[in-house]
Amino acid sequence: MDLERLRHDPPPGVDLRPVPKGKRIEQMLLDGEVDAVMTPERLHTLRERPDLVRRLLPDHAAVETDYFKRTGFFPIMHTVALRRDVYEANPWIAVALMDAFEEARRRGQERLRKATSPALALPWLSAAIDELDAVFGGELLPIGFEANRPILEAMVRYSHEQGLSKAELKPEDVFAPETLSHVP
């Protein structure tokens, strides 16, 4: 049975296999069945088994900050997709969704920065926000096509280079035309 949702022919030398049914990737790492794991989730084994598992880049925040300062890229974590039939029947929905997500982002940032009722109860939160503002120029996680153009261009290029797309696309090819110049 093919478990891939999207057929993917990786470049030569890359071997991709799904995690076998009934196994957990963290246990496979501990058992030596895989050499490394790349995930946005913080692995429990980092805390529970530091004798066996460690970050490849111990000071990853400094490395990521340096990369952002040099390239302007911070990994896009999410995108919103619409079924073509829904979009074609309601083309206004693409811009409405952008506006809704921008409003949610704005409210979340406002809540995070509100010292009297922060979204996260963490020590040194204010200092962390100041540091993030210094790195990102006060604009965390921008929404919109032009605001993200450089990383979108890189993503479509990488997608083609890594065999995820047969043709090298332009970012404009994968977004609703109404969203290209819309600034939420």
Protein backbone atom coordinates (compact mmCIF):
# COMPACT_ATOMS: atom_id res chain seq x y z
CA MET A 1 0.00 0.00 0.00
CA ASP A 2 1.35 3.42 -1.00
CA LEU A 3 1.21 5.71 2.06
CA GLU A 4 2.28 8.88 0.27
CA ARG A 5 -0.47 11.41 -0.33
CA LEU A 6 1.52 12.89 -3.19
CA ARG A 7 3.78 10.84 -5.43
CA HIS A 8 7.32 12.08 -4.93
CA ASP A 9 10.43 11.01 -6.77
CA PRO A 10 13.30 12.36 -4.66
CA PRO A 11 16.63 13.24 -6.24
CA PRO A 12 19.25 10.48 -6.64
CA GLY A 13 20.84 9.45 -3.36
CA VAL A 14 17.80 10.31 -1.25
CA ASP A 15 16.01 7.33 0.29
CA LEU A 16 12.58 8.06 1.74
CA ARG A 17 10.57 5.47 3.65
CA PRO A 18 7.50 5.87 5.86
CA VAL A 19 7.68 5.08 9.55
CA PRO A 20 6.48 1.47 9.80
CA LYS A 21 3.02 0.90 11.24
CA GLY A 22 3.15 0.52 15.01
CA LYS A 23 6.52 2.31 15.37
CA ARG A 24 7.29 5.79 16.68
CA ILE A 25 10.00 7.88 15.09
CA GLU A 26 11.46 8.81 18.51
CA GLN A 27 11.85 5.16 19.47
CA MET A 28 13.40 4.41 16.08
CA LEU A 29 15.92 7.17 16.80
CA LEU A 30 16.72 5.71 20.23
CA ASP A 31 17.03 2.22 18.74
CA GLY A 32 19.42 3.43 16.03
CA GLU A 33 17.00 2.64 13.19
CA VAL A 34 17.22 6.25 11.98
CA ASP A 35 20.19 8.56 12.32
CA ALA A 36 18.37 11.86 12.65
CA VAL A 37 14.91 13.40 12.87
CA MET A 38 13.83 16.77 11.52
CA THR A 39 10.56 17.95 13.02
CA PRO A 40 8.98 21.18 14.22
CA GLU A 41 7.95 19.37 17.40
CA ARG A 42 10.25 19.30 20.42
CA LEU A 43 11.14 15.67 20.95
CA HIS A 44 10.58 14.28 24.44
CA THR A 45 13.85 12.39 24.09
CA LEU A 46 15.79 15.69 24.11
CA ARG A 47 14.80 16.11 27.74
CA GLU A 48 14.41 12.47 28.77
CA ARG A 49 17.48 10.97 27.09
CA PRO A 50 20.09 13.72 26.66
CA ASP A 51 22.75 11.02 26.86
CA LEU A 52 21.47 9.61 23.54
CA VAL A 53 19.73 12.47 21.74
CA ARG A 54 20.85 16.04 21.14
CA ARG A 55 20.18 18.85 18.73
CA LEU A 56 22.40 18.94 15.69
CA LEU A 57 22.81 22.67 16.29
CA PRO A 58 22.82 23.27 20.06
CA ASP A 59 22.47 27.05 19.67
CA HIS A 60 19.85 26.73 16.93
CA ALA A 61 18.22 30.10 17.70
CA ALA A 62 21.50 31.93 17.03
CA VAL A 63 22.04 29.96 13.81
CA GLU A 64 18.46 30.62 12.66
CA THR A 65 18.77 34.32 13.54
CA ASP A 66 22.00 34.59 11.57
CA TYR A 67 20.39 32.82 8.60
CA PHE A 68 17.38 35.17 8.72
CA LYS A 69 19.63 38.24 8.89
CA ARG A 70 21.65 37.02 5.89
CA THR A 71 18.78 35.78 3.71
CA GLY A 72 15.56 37.33 4.99
CA PHE A 73 14.13 33.80 5.16
CA PHE A 74 12.31 32.36 8.11
CA PRO A 75 10.59 29.07 7.31
CA ILE A 76 6.96 29.37 6.36
CA MET A 77 5.14 26.95 8.62
CA HIS A 78 1.65 26.98 7.14
CA THR A 79 -0.23 27.83 4.04
CA VAL A 80 -3.94 27.78 3.32
CA ALA A 81 -5.27 25.87 0.34
CA LEU A 82 -8.71 26.03 -1.20
CA ARG A 83 -10.33 23.38 -3.30
CA ARG A 84 -10.52 24.69 -6.86
CA ASP A 85 -14.31 24.24 -7.05
CA VAL A 86 -14.82 26.27 -3.85
CA TYR A 87 -12.52 29.04 -5.09
CA GLU A 88 -14.09 29.16 -8.56
CA ALA A 89 -17.59 29.42 -7.08
CA ASN A 90 -16.48 32.05 -4.53
CA PRO A 91 -13.33 33.88 -5.73
CA TRP A 92 -13.76 36.50 -2.96
CA ILE A 93 -12.97 33.84 -0.37
CA ALA A 94 -9.19 33.94 -1.00
CA VAL A 95 -8.88 37.61 0.00
CA ALA A 96 -11.40 37.18 2.84
CA LEU A 97 -9.29 34.35 4.27
CA MET A 98 -6.11 36.45 4.02
CA ASP A 99 -7.83 39.27 5.88
CA ALA A 100 -9.16 36.90 8.54
CA PHE A 101 -5.74 35.32 9.13
CA GLU A 102 -4.08 38.73 9.28
CA GLU A 103 -6.64 39.87 11.86
CA ALA A 104 -6.02 36.70 13.89
CA ARG A 105 -2.24 37.27 13.64
CA ARG A 106 -2.64 40.91 14.69
CA ARG A 107 -4.79 39.98 17.67
CA GLY A 108 -2.41 37.21 18.69
CA GLN A 109 0.58 39.57 18.55
CA GLU A 110 -1.36 42.15 20.54
CA ARG A 111 -2.28 39.56 23.16
CA LEU A 112 1.27 38.26 23.34
CA ARG A 113 2.59 41.77 23.95
CA LYS A 114 0.02 42.68 26.60
CA ALA A 115 1.93 42.46 29.87
CA THR A 116 -1.20 42.39 32.02
CA SER A 117 -2.58 39.22 30.44
CA PRO A 118 0.02 37.58 28.23
CA ALA A 119 -0.87 34.70 25.95
CA LEU A 120 2.08 32.81 27.43
CA ALA A 121 3.05 32.86 31.06
CA LEU A 122 6.80 32.64 30.64
CA PRO A 123 9.63 34.25 32.56
CA TRP A 124 11.56 36.79 30.47
CA LEU A 125 8.75 36.92 27.89
CA SER A 126 9.13 40.68 27.48
CA ALA A 127 12.87 40.33 26.84
CA ALA A 128 12.22 37.56 24.30
CA ILE A 129 9.68 39.75 22.48
CA ASP A 130 12.18 42.64 22.43
CA GLU A 131 14.79 40.31 20.94
CA LEU A 132 12.35 39.04 18.30
CA ASP A 133 11.37 42.60 17.42
CA ALA A 134 15.05 43.49 16.98
CA VAL A 135 15.60 40.55 14.62
CA PHE A 136 12.35 40.79 12.65
CA GLY A 137 11.96 44.55 12.68
CA GLY A 138 8.77 44.34 14.72
CA GLU A 139 6.96 42.34 12.02
CA LEU A 140 6.61 38.74 13.12
CA LEU A 141 5.24 36.25 10.61
CA PRO A 142 4.05 38.58 7.85
CA ILE A 143 1.05 37.56 5.76
CA GLY A 144 0.74 38.35 2.08
CA PHE A 145 2.33 37.51 -1.22
CA GLU A 146 4.77 40.40 -1.59
CA ALA A 147 5.83 40.23 2.05
CA ASN A 148 6.84 36.61 1.47
CA ARG A 149 7.97 36.76 -2.18
CA PRO A 150 11.68 35.95 -1.62
CA ILE A 151 10.99 32.80 0.39
CA LEU A 152 8.15 31.77 -1.95
CA GLU A 153 10.55 32.03 -4.90
CA ALA A 154 13.05 29.86 -3.05
CA MET A 155 10.35 27.35 -2.09
CA VAL A 156 9.14 26.79 -5.66
CA ARG A 157 12.76 26.47 -6.81
CA TYR A 158 13.54 23.96 -4.03
CA SER A 159 10.33 22.08 -4.78
CA HIS A 160 11.45 21.57 -8.36
CA GLU A 161 15.06 20.74 -7.40
CA GLN A 162 13.85 18.14 -4.87
CA GLY A 163 11.45 16.48 -7.29
CA LEU A 164 8.24 17.67 -5.64
CA SER A 165 7.14 19.52 -8.78
CA LYS A 166 7.83 18.44 -12.34
CA ALA A 167 8.10 22.02 -13.62
CA GLU A 168 9.80 25.02 -12.10
CA LEU A 169 6.91 27.28 -11.23
CA LYS A 170 6.75 30.94 -10.35
CA PRO A 171 5.14 31.76 -7.00
CA GLU A 172 2.36 33.58 -8.87
CA ASP A 173 1.39 30.24 -10.44
CA VAL A 174 0.20 28.76 -7.15
CA PHE A 175 -1.77 31.63 -5.60
CA ALA A 176 -5.18 33.06 -6.35
CA PRO A 177 -4.64 36.14 -8.57
CA GLU A 178 -6.71 38.30 -6.19
CA THR A 179 -4.20 37.69 -3.40
CA LEU A 180 -1.04 38.69 -5.29
CA SER A 181 -1.29 42.43 -4.70
CA HIS A 182 -3.62 42.33 -1.69
CA VAL A 183 -2.09 43.67 1.50
CA PRO A 184 -4.16 42.41 4.43
